[in-house]
Amino acid sequence: MDTYKRAYRKLGNQGLFDSEERTSMLSALGNPLERLAETIDFEMFRETLEAGLYRDRLTKAGAKPYDYVLMFKILVLQRMYNLSNE
């Protein structure tokens, strides 16, 4: 496994307070990721996910991949709420 930090896709252009406002709004609505994060330490899956999913890129062309742990969280939420990819 490589020792350098991998570059993942950015989550878009964000203003100075956009992240805080979005987080507080989601918290007020009952953010399911906050409840999951209190229960499960998703970082313990990072090594396994990266070992199983990482492939060397042949070129620098194309989009950077999403963070593996973030995608794992999305899959957990999809399964919990019976959502499809679309």
N, C-alpha and C. Protein backbone atom coordinates (compact mmCIF):
# COMPACT_ATOMS: atom_id res chain seq x y z
N MET A 1 0.85 -1.17 0.00
CA MET A 1 0.00 0.00 0.00
C MET A 1 0.89 1.23 0.00
N ASP A 2 0.51 2.21 -0.75
CA ASP A 2 1.30 3.43 -0.84
C ASP A 2 1.24 4.20 0.47
N THR A 3 2.34 4.87 0.81
CA THR A 3 2.39 5.61 2.07
C THR A 3 1.95 7.06 1.92
N TYR A 4 1.84 7.55 0.67
CA TYR A 4 1.43 8.94 0.48
C TYR A 4 -0.09 9.06 0.58
N LYS A 5 -0.56 10.25 0.86
CA LYS A 5 -1.99 10.50 0.97
C LYS A 5 -2.60 10.57 -0.42
N ARG A 6 -3.66 9.84 -0.63
CA ARG A 6 -4.31 9.82 -1.93
C ARG A 6 -5.16 11.06 -2.11
N ALA A 7 -5.26 11.51 -3.35
CA ALA A 7 -6.09 12.66 -3.68
C ALA A 7 -7.47 12.16 -4.09
N TYR A 8 -8.50 12.66 -3.43
CA TYR A 8 -9.87 12.30 -3.75
C TYR A 8 -10.58 13.49 -4.36
N ARG A 9 -11.69 13.23 -4.97
CA ARG A 9 -12.50 14.25 -5.60
C ARG A 9 -12.99 15.25 -4.56
N LYS A 10 -12.95 16.51 -4.93
CA LYS A 10 -13.47 17.56 -4.05
C LYS A 10 -14.99 17.56 -4.13
N LEU A 11 -15.62 18.06 -3.10
CA LEU A 11 -17.08 18.05 -3.05
C LEU A 11 -17.69 19.33 -3.59
N GLY A 12 -17.02 20.03 -4.47
CA GLY A 12 -17.58 21.21 -5.12
C GLY A 12 -17.08 22.49 -4.50
N ASN A 13 -17.44 23.60 -5.12
CA ASN A 13 -17.06 24.91 -4.60
C ASN A 13 -17.93 25.25 -3.41
N GLN A 14 -17.31 25.59 -2.31
CA GLN A 14 -18.05 25.94 -1.11
C GLN A 14 -17.62 27.31 -0.65
N GLY A 15 -18.59 28.08 -0.20
CA GLY A 15 -18.31 29.39 0.36
C GLY A 15 -17.77 29.26 1.77
N LEU A 16 -17.53 30.39 2.40
CA LEU A 16 -16.92 30.42 3.72
C LEU A 16 -17.77 29.73 4.78
N PHE A 17 -19.09 29.93 4.76
CA PHE A 17 -19.95 29.36 5.78
C PHE A 17 -20.91 28.30 5.24
N ASP A 18 -20.76 27.91 3.99
CA ASP A 18 -21.68 26.94 3.39
C ASP A 18 -21.69 25.61 4.13
N SER A 19 -20.52 25.12 4.47
CA SER A 19 -20.43 23.83 5.14
C SER A 19 -21.09 23.88 6.52
N GLU A 20 -20.84 24.94 7.28
CA GLU A 20 -21.45 25.07 8.61
C GLU A 20 -22.96 25.16 8.52
N GLU A 21 -23.46 25.97 7.58
CA GLU A 21 -24.91 26.14 7.43
C GLU A 21 -25.57 24.83 7.02
N ARG A 22 -24.95 24.11 6.08
CA ARG A 22 -25.51 22.84 5.63
C ARG A 22 -25.50 21.82 6.77
N THR A 23 -24.43 21.79 7.53
CA THR A 23 -24.33 20.84 8.64
C THR A 23 -25.37 21.14 9.71
N SER A 24 -25.53 22.40 10.06
CA SER A 24 -26.52 22.75 11.09
C SER A 24 -27.94 22.47 10.61
N MET A 25 -28.22 22.71 9.32
CA MET A 25 -29.55 22.43 8.78
C MET A 25 -29.83 20.92 8.81
N LEU A 26 -28.85 20.12 8.41
CA LEU A 26 -29.03 18.66 8.44
C LEU A 26 -29.16 18.14 9.86
N SER A 27 -28.43 18.72 10.79
CA SER A 27 -28.53 18.31 12.19
C SER A 27 -29.92 18.57 12.74
N ALA A 28 -30.47 19.72 12.39
CA ALA A 28 -31.81 20.06 12.85
C ALA A 28 -32.86 19.11 12.28
N LEU A 29 -32.63 18.60 11.08
CA LEU A 29 -33.57 17.67 10.44
C LEU A 29 -33.38 16.23 10.92
N GLY A 30 -32.30 15.95 11.64
CA GLY A 30 -32.03 14.59 12.10
C GLY A 30 -31.14 13.85 11.12
N ASN A 31 -29.93 14.32 10.95
CA ASN A 31 -28.98 13.75 10.01
C ASN A 31 -28.66 12.29 10.37
N PRO A 32 -28.99 11.34 9.48
CA PRO A 32 -28.72 9.93 9.80
C PRO A 32 -27.23 9.62 9.86
N LEU A 33 -26.40 10.38 9.14
CA LEU A 33 -24.96 10.13 9.20
C LEU A 33 -24.38 10.46 10.57
N GLU A 34 -24.94 11.46 11.25
CA GLU A 34 -24.47 11.78 12.60
C GLU A 34 -24.77 10.63 13.55
N ARG A 35 -25.96 10.07 13.44
CA ARG A 35 -26.31 8.94 14.30
C ARG A 35 -25.43 7.73 14.02
N LEU A 36 -25.15 7.49 12.73
CA LEU A 36 -24.27 6.38 12.38
C LEU A 36 -22.84 6.62 12.86
N ALA A 37 -22.37 7.86 12.74
CA ALA A 37 -21.00 8.18 13.15
C ALA A 37 -20.83 8.03 14.66
N GLU A 38 -21.89 8.26 15.42
CA GLU A 38 -21.83 8.06 16.87
C GLU A 38 -21.74 6.58 17.22
N THR A 39 -22.32 5.75 16.36
CA THR A 39 -22.39 4.32 16.63
C THR A 39 -21.22 3.54 16.02
N ILE A 40 -20.85 3.89 14.78
CA ILE A 40 -19.85 3.13 14.03
C ILE A 40 -18.65 4.00 13.70
N ASP A 41 -17.46 3.47 13.93
CA ASP A 41 -16.23 4.15 13.51
C ASP A 41 -15.90 3.67 12.10
N PHE A 42 -16.31 4.46 11.10
CA PHE A 42 -16.13 4.06 9.70
C PHE A 42 -14.67 4.04 9.28
N GLU A 43 -13.82 4.76 9.98
CA GLU A 43 -12.40 4.79 9.62
C GLU A 43 -11.73 3.43 9.81
N MET A 44 -12.32 2.57 10.63
CA MET A 44 -11.72 1.25 10.81
C MET A 44 -11.85 0.40 9.55
N PHE A 45 -12.72 0.80 8.61
CA PHE A 45 -12.89 0.08 7.36
C PHE A 45 -11.97 0.61 6.26
N ARG A 46 -11.31 1.76 6.47
CA ARG A 46 -10.54 2.40 5.42
C ARG A 46 -9.46 1.48 4.84
N GLU A 47 -8.68 0.85 5.69
CA GLU A 47 -7.59 0.01 5.21
C GLU A 47 -8.11 -1.14 4.36
N THR A 48 -9.17 -1.77 4.80
CA THR A 48 -9.75 -2.89 4.05
C THR A 48 -10.33 -2.42 2.73
N LEU A 49 -11.04 -1.29 2.74
CA LEU A 49 -11.64 -0.76 1.52
C LEU A 49 -10.57 -0.36 0.51
N GLU A 50 -9.54 0.34 0.96
CA GLU A 50 -8.48 0.76 0.05
C GLU A 50 -7.70 -0.43 -0.49
N ALA A 51 -7.47 -1.43 0.35
CA ALA A 51 -6.75 -2.62 -0.11
C ALA A 51 -7.54 -3.37 -1.17
N GLY A 52 -8.86 -3.42 -1.01
CA GLY A 52 -9.68 -4.17 -1.95
C GLY A 52 -10.08 -3.40 -3.19
N LEU A 53 -10.15 -2.08 -3.10
CA LEU A 53 -10.68 -1.29 -4.21
C LEU A 53 -9.65 -0.48 -4.97
N TYR A 54 -8.49 -0.21 -4.36
CA TYR A 54 -7.52 0.68 -4.99
C TYR A 54 -6.88 0.03 -6.20
N ARG A 55 -6.80 0.78 -7.30
CA ARG A 55 -6.08 0.36 -8.49
C ARG A 55 -5.18 1.51 -8.92
N ASP A 56 -3.98 1.20 -9.34
CA ASP A 56 -3.09 2.24 -9.85
C ASP A 56 -3.71 2.84 -11.11
N ARG A 57 -3.66 4.16 -11.17
CA ARG A 57 -4.16 4.84 -12.36
C ARG A 57 -3.06 4.85 -13.40
N LEU A 58 -3.41 4.52 -14.62
CA LEU A 58 -2.42 4.49 -15.69
C LEU A 58 -2.06 5.89 -16.15
N THR A 59 -3.03 6.80 -16.10
CA THR A 59 -2.78 8.19 -16.49
C THR A 59 -3.44 9.11 -15.47
N LYS A 60 -3.13 10.38 -15.55
CA LYS A 60 -3.74 11.38 -14.67
C LYS A 60 -5.06 11.89 -15.24
N ALA A 61 -5.44 11.40 -16.41
CA ALA A 61 -6.67 11.84 -17.07
C ALA A 61 -7.89 11.32 -16.31
N GLY A 62 -8.98 12.02 -16.45
CA GLY A 62 -10.23 11.60 -15.83
C GLY A 62 -10.42 12.18 -14.45
N ALA A 63 -11.58 11.93 -13.91
CA ALA A 63 -11.94 12.46 -12.59
C ALA A 63 -11.25 11.65 -11.49
N LYS A 64 -10.95 12.32 -10.39
CA LYS A 64 -10.39 11.63 -9.23
C LYS A 64 -11.51 10.82 -8.58
N PRO A 65 -11.15 9.71 -7.94
CA PRO A 65 -12.19 8.89 -7.30
C PRO A 65 -12.72 9.55 -6.03
N TYR A 66 -13.92 9.17 -5.66
CA TYR A 66 -14.47 9.60 -4.37
C TYR A 66 -13.75 8.83 -3.28
N ASP A 67 -13.78 9.37 -2.08
CA ASP A 67 -13.19 8.70 -0.92
C ASP A 67 -13.92 7.38 -0.69
N TYR A 68 -13.17 6.31 -0.45
CA TYR A 68 -13.77 4.98 -0.28
C TYR A 68 -14.68 4.91 0.93
N VAL A 69 -14.31 5.56 2.01
CA VAL A 69 -15.15 5.53 3.21
C VAL A 69 -16.45 6.29 2.96
N LEU A 70 -16.38 7.40 2.26
CA LEU A 70 -17.59 8.15 1.92
C LEU A 70 -18.53 7.29 1.08
N MET A 71 -17.99 6.59 0.10
CA MET A 71 -18.83 5.73 -0.73
C MET A 71 -19.42 4.57 0.08
N PHE A 72 -18.65 4.06 1.04
CA PHE A 72 -19.16 3.00 1.92
C PHE A 72 -20.32 3.52 2.75
N LYS A 73 -20.20 4.75 3.27
CA LYS A 73 -21.30 5.35 4.03
C LYS A 73 -22.55 5.50 3.17
N ILE A 74 -22.35 5.90 1.92
CA ILE A 74 -23.48 6.04 1.01
C ILE A 74 -24.17 4.70 0.79
N LEU A 75 -23.37 3.65 0.62
CA LEU A 75 -23.95 2.31 0.44
C LEU A 75 -24.73 1.86 1.67
N VAL A 76 -24.22 2.18 2.85
CA VAL A 76 -24.93 1.83 4.09
C VAL A 76 -26.27 2.57 4.14
N LEU A 77 -26.27 3.86 3.82
CA LEU A 77 -27.52 4.63 3.81
C LEU A 77 -28.50 4.11 2.76
N GLN A 78 -27.98 3.75 1.59
CA GLN A 78 -28.85 3.19 0.56
C GLN A 78 -29.53 1.92 1.05
N ARG A 79 -28.76 1.10 1.74
CA ARG A 79 -29.31 -0.16 2.24
C ARG A 79 -30.32 0.09 3.36
N MET A 80 -30.02 1.04 4.24
CA MET A 80 -30.92 1.34 5.37
C MET A 80 -32.26 1.88 4.90
N TYR A 81 -32.24 2.72 3.87
CA TYR A 81 -33.46 3.39 3.42
C TYR A 81 -34.01 2.81 2.11
N ASN A 82 -33.47 1.67 1.68
CA ASN A 82 -33.93 0.98 0.48
C ASN A 82 -33.96 1.91 -0.73
N LEU A 83 -32.82 2.58 -0.98
CA LEU A 83 -32.69 3.51 -2.10
C LEU A 83 -31.92 2.87 -3.24
N SER A 84 -32.21 3.31 -4.45
CA SER A 84 -31.46 2.83 -5.61
C SER A 84 -30.36 3.83 -5.95
N ASN A 85 -29.51 3.47 -6.88
CA ASN A 85 -28.43 4.37 -7.31
C ASN A 85 -28.96 5.64 -7.93
N GLU A 86 -30.07 5.56 -8.64
CA GLU A 86 -30.60 6.74 -9.29
C GLU A 86 -31.18 7.69 -8.27
